[in-house]
Amino acid sequence: SDMTHQAEVIFESDKRVGNIDEPYVFNFCSKAVLSVGGNPDDAGIVTGAGDYFVGDTCVVTATPNDGFLFVNWTENGDIVSDDDIYSFVIENDRNLIANFNVFEAPENIQTAVIDHQSIKITWNAVENVSAYNLYRDGIFVAEVQGSSYTDCNLESDTEYCYVVACVDDEVESIHSEEVCAKTDNVSLQELQSDLGLY
């Protein structure tokens, strides 16, 4: 009688996965563990950790939180990539750290009162940023491309306080120190002029 028998056995031992196919040829595929972390650990979101087969292509990503910038990936203190999205073929267990720096705010924030309705805010330009976010009394006012902004249509004889933050790739820096200024008190002549009565 026909004694042919087909069978497949899949097993795992010591992180090695294998299968038995008649005529009992053992095929093994090693596994590797990928660990990822952030430094500081609250500076951003890192993804890509998991168990992989040796030879797999892995992709790890580092997304900074507001107030931080991605710097590089390191392993055992050595830099392995400057890209926030890092792709590689895994050959063994790896432990990657995404390093972040504080995203500093612009400095030397100053205000100048223009008149009873306008205040000009200026600051030192910062290299390699795409724009600046301006806030008045804690409320977003405008995204500014340059290093100055004139805030108009304000109330007369009123104090306003401002902070500025850098923006790079939709990530916002820490906020600058707060500076305040008070608009001029409108005179009767100016009020009549504004109303077209003078």
Protein backbone atom coordinates (compact mmCIF):
# COMPACT_ATOMS: atom_id res chain seq x y z
CA SER A 1 0.00 0.00 0.00
CA ASP A 2 0.99 3.62 -0.44
CA MET A 3 2.84 4.64 2.71
CA THR A 4 3.49 8.21 1.53
CA HIS A 5 2.71 10.72 4.24
CA GLN A 6 2.98 14.46 4.04
CA ALA A 7 3.38 16.56 7.16
CA GLU A 8 4.47 20.02 8.15
CA VAL A 9 5.62 20.94 11.63
CA ILE A 10 6.28 24.52 12.66
CA PHE A 11 8.09 25.21 15.89
CA GLU A 12 9.97 27.94 17.72
CA SER A 13 12.96 27.52 20.01
CA ASP A 14 15.35 30.09 21.40
CA LYS A 15 14.04 32.83 19.09
CA ARG A 16 14.46 30.58 16.01
CA VAL A 17 11.46 29.56 13.97
CA GLY A 18 11.58 26.46 11.77
CA ASN A 19 9.48 23.98 9.89
CA ILE A 20 9.88 20.34 8.92
CA ASP A 21 8.95 19.31 5.40
CA GLU A 22 9.40 15.72 4.30
CA PRO A 23 11.95 14.38 3.70
CA TYR A 24 12.67 16.17 7.00
CA VAL A 25 14.70 19.13 5.85
CA PHE A 26 14.98 21.67 8.67
CA ASN A 27 14.60 25.29 7.64
CA PHE A 28 15.38 27.93 10.29
CA CYS A 29 14.82 31.68 10.29
CA SER A 30 16.38 33.68 13.11
CA LYS A 31 14.50 36.47 14.83
CA ALA A 32 15.80 39.79 16.12
CA VAL A 33 14.35 42.25 18.63
CA LEU A 34 14.33 45.96 17.80
CA SER A 35 13.96 48.38 20.73
CA VAL A 36 13.57 52.15 20.35
CA GLY A 37 13.51 55.02 22.82
CA GLY A 38 13.74 58.80 23.04
CA ASN A 39 16.22 61.11 24.75
CA PRO A 40 14.73 62.94 26.58
CA ASP A 41 11.92 60.40 26.75
CA ASP A 42 9.18 63.06 26.68
CA ALA A 43 10.65 64.98 23.73
CA GLY A 44 8.88 63.10 20.95
CA ILE A 45 7.20 59.98 19.65
CA VAL A 46 9.33 57.07 18.39
CA THR A 47 7.94 54.07 16.52
CA GLY A 48 9.20 50.88 14.91
CA ALA A 49 10.01 48.63 17.88
CA GLY A 50 9.13 44.95 17.62
CA ASP A 51 10.23 41.42 16.78
CA TYR A 52 11.51 40.88 13.23
CA PHE A 53 13.01 38.10 11.16
CA VAL A 54 16.70 38.56 10.39
CA GLY A 55 16.94 40.12 6.93
CA ASP A 56 13.72 42.12 7.30
CA THR A 57 13.74 45.82 6.44
CA CYS A 58 12.85 47.89 9.49
CA VAL A 59 11.71 51.49 9.57
CA VAL A 60 11.91 53.61 12.72
CA THR A 61 10.48 57.12 12.97
CA ALA A 62 11.07 60.00 15.38
CA THR A 63 8.50 62.80 15.59
CA PRO A 64 9.43 65.67 17.94
CA ASN A 65 6.89 67.24 20.26
CA ASP A 66 6.47 71.02 20.29
CA GLY A 67 9.50 72.61 21.91
CA PHE A 68 11.96 70.00 20.58
CA LEU A 69 13.90 69.21 17.40
CA PHE A 70 15.07 65.79 16.21
CA VAL A 71 18.88 65.45 16.14
CA ASN A 72 19.86 61.86 15.28
CA TRP A 73 19.58 58.15 16.01
CA THR A 74 22.29 56.53 18.13
CA GLU A 75 23.12 52.99 19.21
CA ASN A 76 25.46 52.41 22.14
CA GLY A 77 26.37 56.09 21.90
CA ASP A 78 27.34 55.95 18.21
CA ILE A 79 25.42 57.94 15.58
CA VAL A 80 23.77 55.62 13.05
CA SER A 81 21.52 58.08 11.17
CA ASP A 82 20.62 61.77 10.98
CA ASP A 83 17.26 61.01 9.34
CA ASP A 84 14.09 61.13 11.41
CA ILE A 85 12.81 58.21 9.28
CA TYR A 86 15.56 55.57 9.37
CA SER A 87 15.35 52.38 7.28
CA PHE A 88 17.74 49.44 7.58
CA VAL A 89 18.02 45.65 7.26
CA ILE A 90 18.11 44.05 10.69
CA GLU A 91 20.74 41.39 11.33
CA ASN A 92 20.61 41.11 15.13
CA ASP A 93 19.03 42.62 18.21
CA ARG A 94 19.27 46.42 18.18
CA ASN A 95 18.50 49.23 20.62
CA LEU A 96 18.13 52.62 18.94
CA ILE A 97 17.75 55.97 20.69
CA ALA A 98 16.20 59.02 19.02
CA ASN A 99 17.91 62.13 20.35
CA PHE A 100 16.17 65.49 20.57
CA ASN A 101 17.28 69.02 21.46
CA VAL A 102 15.23 71.84 22.90
CA PHE A 103 13.85 74.02 20.09
CA GLU A 104 14.87 77.45 21.32
CA ALA A 105 12.64 80.51 21.01
CA PRO A 106 13.70 83.70 19.21
CA GLU A 107 15.51 86.22 21.39
CA ASN A 108 15.47 89.98 21.92
CA ILE A 109 11.69 90.43 21.64
CA GLN A 110 10.85 94.14 21.61
CA THR A 111 7.76 96.26 21.20
CA ALA A 112 7.27 99.78 19.88
CA VAL A 113 3.98 101.65 20.16
CA ILE A 114 3.02 103.15 16.80
CA ASP A 115 -0.15 104.96 17.83
CA HIS A 116 -3.36 104.39 19.76
CA GLN A 117 -4.24 101.35 17.62
CA SER A 118 -0.94 99.74 16.63
CA ILE A 119 2.07 98.06 18.24
CA LYS A 120 5.13 96.78 16.36
CA ILE A 121 6.84 93.62 17.63
CA THR A 122 10.37 92.69 16.54
CA TRP A 123 12.78 89.85 17.35
CA ASN A 124 16.10 88.39 16.27
CA ALA A 125 15.87 86.13 13.22
CA VAL A 126 16.68 82.45 13.74
CA GLU A 127 18.43 80.36 11.07
CA ASN A 128 16.74 77.39 9.43
CA VAL A 129 13.19 78.08 10.57
CA SER A 130 10.26 78.41 8.19
CA ALA A 131 8.20 80.98 10.09
CA TYR A 132 7.27 82.43 13.47
CA ASN A 133 4.03 82.23 15.44
CA LEU A 134 2.96 85.39 17.24
CA TYR A 135 0.65 85.27 20.27
CA ARG A 136 -1.13 88.19 21.94
CA ASP A 137 -2.32 87.63 25.51
CA GLY A 138 -2.07 83.87 24.98
CA ILE A 139 -4.07 83.87 21.72
CA PHE A 140 -2.56 83.10 18.32
CA VAL A 141 -2.43 86.20 16.13
CA ALA A 142 -0.45 85.38 12.99
CA GLU A 143 2.20 83.25 11.30
CA VAL A 144 4.97 85.62 10.28
CA GLN A 145 7.64 85.02 7.63
CA GLY A 146 9.98 87.81 8.73
CA SER A 147 11.24 89.00 12.10
CA SER A 148 8.72 91.76 12.77
CA TYR A 149 4.98 92.26 12.86
CA THR A 150 2.71 95.27 13.34
CA ASP A 151 -0.41 94.44 15.33
CA CYS A 152 -3.21 96.78 14.24
CA ASN A 153 -6.81 97.62 15.12
CA LEU A 154 -6.13 97.50 18.86
CA GLU A 155 -7.99 99.31 21.61
CA SER A 156 -6.51 102.63 22.72
CA ASP A 157 -4.91 103.06 26.14
CA THR A 158 -4.74 99.26 26.57
CA GLU A 159 -1.84 97.00 27.50
CA TYR A 160 -1.09 93.99 25.29
CA CYS A 161 1.46 91.23 25.93
CA TYR A 162 3.21 89.17 23.26
CA VAL A 163 5.28 86.00 22.88
CA VAL A 164 6.91 84.60 19.73
CA ALA A 165 7.75 81.00 18.77
CA CYS A 166 9.78 79.57 15.90
CA VAL A 167 8.14 77.11 13.49
CA ASP A 168 9.98 74.40 11.58
CA ASP A 169 8.17 71.67 9.64
CA GLU A 170 4.98 72.32 11.64
CA VAL A 171 6.83 71.89 14.95
CA GLU A 172 6.74 74.89 17.28
CA SER A 173 9.58 75.97 19.55
CA ILE A 174 9.26 76.93 23.17
CA HIS A 175 7.78 80.40 23.57
CA SER A 176 9.89 83.50 24.00
CA GLU A 177 9.85 85.69 27.06
CA GLU A 178 6.73 87.83 27.26
CA VAL A 179 6.91 91.54 26.38
CA CYS A 180 4.15 94.06 26.90
CA ALA A 181 3.24 97.51 25.60
CA LYS A 182 0.36 99.93 26.07
CA THR A 183 -1.28 101.70 23.16
CA ASP A 184 -1.49 105.47 23.21
CA ASN A 185 -4.47 107.24 24.67
CA VAL A 186 -6.51 108.54 21.76
CA SER A 187 -7.02 112.30 21.63
CA LEU A 188 -10.27 113.94 20.65
CA GLN A 189 -8.65 115.17 17.45
CA GLU A 190 -7.50 111.66 16.54
CA LEU A 191 -10.93 110.24 17.36
CA GLN A 192 -12.63 112.80 15.13
CA SER A 193 -10.14 112.02 12.36
CA ASP A 194 -10.79 108.28 12.67
CA LEU A 195 -14.51 108.93 12.44
CA GLY A 196 -14.07 111.23 9.42
CA LEU A 197 -15.24 114.27 11.37
CA TYR A 198 -12.04 116.22 11.19
